[in-house]
Amino acid sequence: MMSSLSESDFRQLLLNSTRPILVNFWAPWCGVCRQIHPLLQRFESQVGGRVRVVDMNADESLQLASEYRLSALPTLLLMEKGEIVNRWEGFQGREPLAVVLKEVAAQYGQIVATAP
């Protein structure tokens, strides 16, 4: 199940994680963010623990939003060992996200069905 983290918990996770982390920066007022959330949940359950998915509310995590220079929501960051491996911003719906999730799953040796 996707986790919602505080800024301090997020920083601790980055330091200690042995697996990649897909960070979903979102906000309650973002319609597309709400629309893609079920797809992210399904993705996490399908990758079998190979990639951890976490939610970060950009409105409640202003320091992180600034640090990662968020310019659009939703923004996804794929991180390994605390470093950004890939970044995707401003999805226009579920279909573009499905393409990204397939790429991430393939990168970590897992094929998933991410149909919108």
Protein backbone atom coordinates (compact mmCIF):
# COMPACT_ATOMS: atom_id res chain seq x y z
CA MET A 1 0.00 0.00 0.00
CA MET A 2 1.31 3.43 -0.90
CA SER A 3 2.66 5.45 1.98
CA SER A 4 2.12 9.13 2.69
CA LEU A 5 5.18 10.48 4.42
CA SER A 6 6.28 13.56 6.32
CA GLU A 7 9.40 15.37 5.13
CA SER A 8 11.55 13.88 7.90
CA ASP A 9 10.22 10.35 7.25
CA PHE A 10 10.90 10.84 3.55
CA ARG A 11 14.52 11.87 4.18
CA GLN A 12 15.00 8.85 6.46
CA LEU A 13 13.52 6.55 3.81
CA LEU A 14 15.94 7.90 1.19
CA LEU A 15 18.89 7.19 3.46
CA ASN A 16 17.82 3.64 4.34
CA SER A 17 16.06 2.27 1.28
CA THR A 18 17.66 -0.65 -0.52
CA ARG A 19 15.16 -0.52 -3.35
CA PRO A 20 14.12 2.20 -5.80
CA ILE A 21 11.49 4.68 -4.67
CA LEU A 22 8.89 6.21 -6.95
CA VAL A 23 7.84 9.48 -5.30
CA ASN A 24 4.46 10.89 -6.27
CA PHE A 25 4.27 14.61 -5.51
CA TRP A 26 0.61 15.60 -5.52
CA ALA A 27 -1.86 18.06 -3.97
CA PRO A 28 -5.49 17.67 -2.86
CA TRP A 29 -6.66 20.35 -5.32
CA CYS A 30 -5.01 18.60 -8.31
CA GLY A 31 -7.65 16.72 -10.30
CA VAL A 32 -5.15 14.75 -12.37
CA CYS A 33 -3.34 13.74 -9.16
CA ARG A 34 -6.54 12.20 -7.84
CA GLN A 35 -7.21 10.58 -11.20
CA ILE A 36 -3.84 8.78 -11.42
CA HIS A 37 -3.67 7.67 -7.78
CA PRO A 38 -5.46 4.31 -8.36
CA LEU A 39 -3.05 3.53 -11.20
CA LEU A 40 -0.07 4.16 -8.90
CA GLN A 41 -1.61 1.92 -6.24
CA ARG A 42 -2.12 -0.87 -8.76
CA PHE A 43 1.44 -0.45 -10.02
CA GLU A 44 2.87 -0.79 -6.52
CA SER A 45 0.94 -4.00 -5.89
CA GLN A 46 2.08 -5.44 -9.23
CA VAL A 47 5.82 -4.80 -8.92
CA GLY A 48 6.03 -7.14 -5.97
CA GLY A 49 8.10 -4.98 -3.68
CA ARG A 50 10.80 -4.19 -6.25
CA VAL A 51 9.87 -0.51 -6.28
CA ARG A 52 8.40 1.37 -3.34
CA VAL A 53 5.79 4.02 -4.16
CA VAL A 54 5.28 6.93 -1.76
CA ASP A 55 2.98 9.94 -1.81
CA MET A 56 4.23 13.40 -0.87
CA ASN A 57 1.65 16.15 -0.51
CA ALA A 58 3.43 19.10 -2.11
CA ASP A 59 1.29 21.59 -0.16
CA GLU A 60 2.42 20.05 3.14
CA SER A 61 6.03 19.50 2.03
CA LEU A 62 7.04 22.93 0.81
CA GLN A 63 10.72 22.44 1.60
CA LEU A 64 10.88 19.28 -0.51
CA ALA A 65 8.81 20.90 -3.26
CA SER A 66 11.37 23.70 -3.37
CA GLU A 67 14.36 21.38 -3.07
CA TYR A 68 13.19 19.25 -6.00
CA ARG A 69 12.06 22.33 -7.95
CA LEU A 70 8.53 21.17 -8.61
CA SER A 71 6.98 23.18 -11.41
CA ALA A 72 3.92 21.05 -12.12
CA LEU A 73 1.75 18.49 -10.39
CA PRO A 74 1.69 15.62 -10.41
CA THR A 75 5.44 15.06 -10.50
CA LEU A 76 7.00 11.63 -10.19
CA LEU A 77 10.63 11.14 -9.17
CA LEU A 78 12.28 7.75 -9.48
CA MET A 79 15.04 7.66 -6.88
CA GLU A 80 17.81 5.21 -6.06
CA LYS A 81 20.20 5.65 -3.15
CA GLY A 82 18.90 9.18 -2.62
CA GLU A 83 19.57 10.29 -6.20
CA ILE A 84 17.02 11.12 -8.89
CA VAL A 85 17.19 8.53 -11.67
CA ASN A 86 14.26 9.90 -13.67
CA ARG A 87 11.65 12.64 -13.45
CA TRP A 88 8.22 13.06 -15.02
CA GLU A 89 6.03 16.16 -14.62
CA GLY A 90 2.53 17.35 -15.33
CA PHE A 91 0.70 14.30 -16.61
CA GLN A 92 -2.38 15.08 -18.64
CA GLY A 93 -4.15 11.89 -17.64
CA ARG A 94 -3.85 8.20 -16.96
CA GLU A 95 -2.53 7.10 -20.38
CA PRO A 96 0.80 8.98 -20.21
CA LEU A 97 1.31 7.67 -16.68
CA ALA A 98 0.65 4.10 -17.82
CA VAL A 99 3.51 4.44 -20.33
CA VAL A 100 5.87 5.70 -17.62
CA LEU A 101 4.92 2.91 -15.21
CA LYS A 102 5.57 0.29 -17.89
CA GLU A 103 9.05 1.81 -18.42
CA VAL A 104 9.80 1.73 -14.70
CA ALA A 105 8.55 -1.84 -14.34
CA ALA A 106 10.63 -2.99 -17.32
CA GLN A 107 13.70 -1.29 -15.86
CA TYR A 108 13.34 -3.39 -12.71
CA GLY A 109 12.57 -6.67 -14.46
CA GLN A 110 8.82 -6.71 -14.00
CA ILE A 111 6.12 -6.49 -16.65
CA VAL A 112 2.87 -5.06 -15.38
CA ALA A 113 -0.57 -4.47 -16.78
CA THR A 114 -1.15 -0.75 -16.24
CA ALA A 115 -4.12 -0.22 -18.49
CA PRO A 116 -5.90 3.00 -17.54
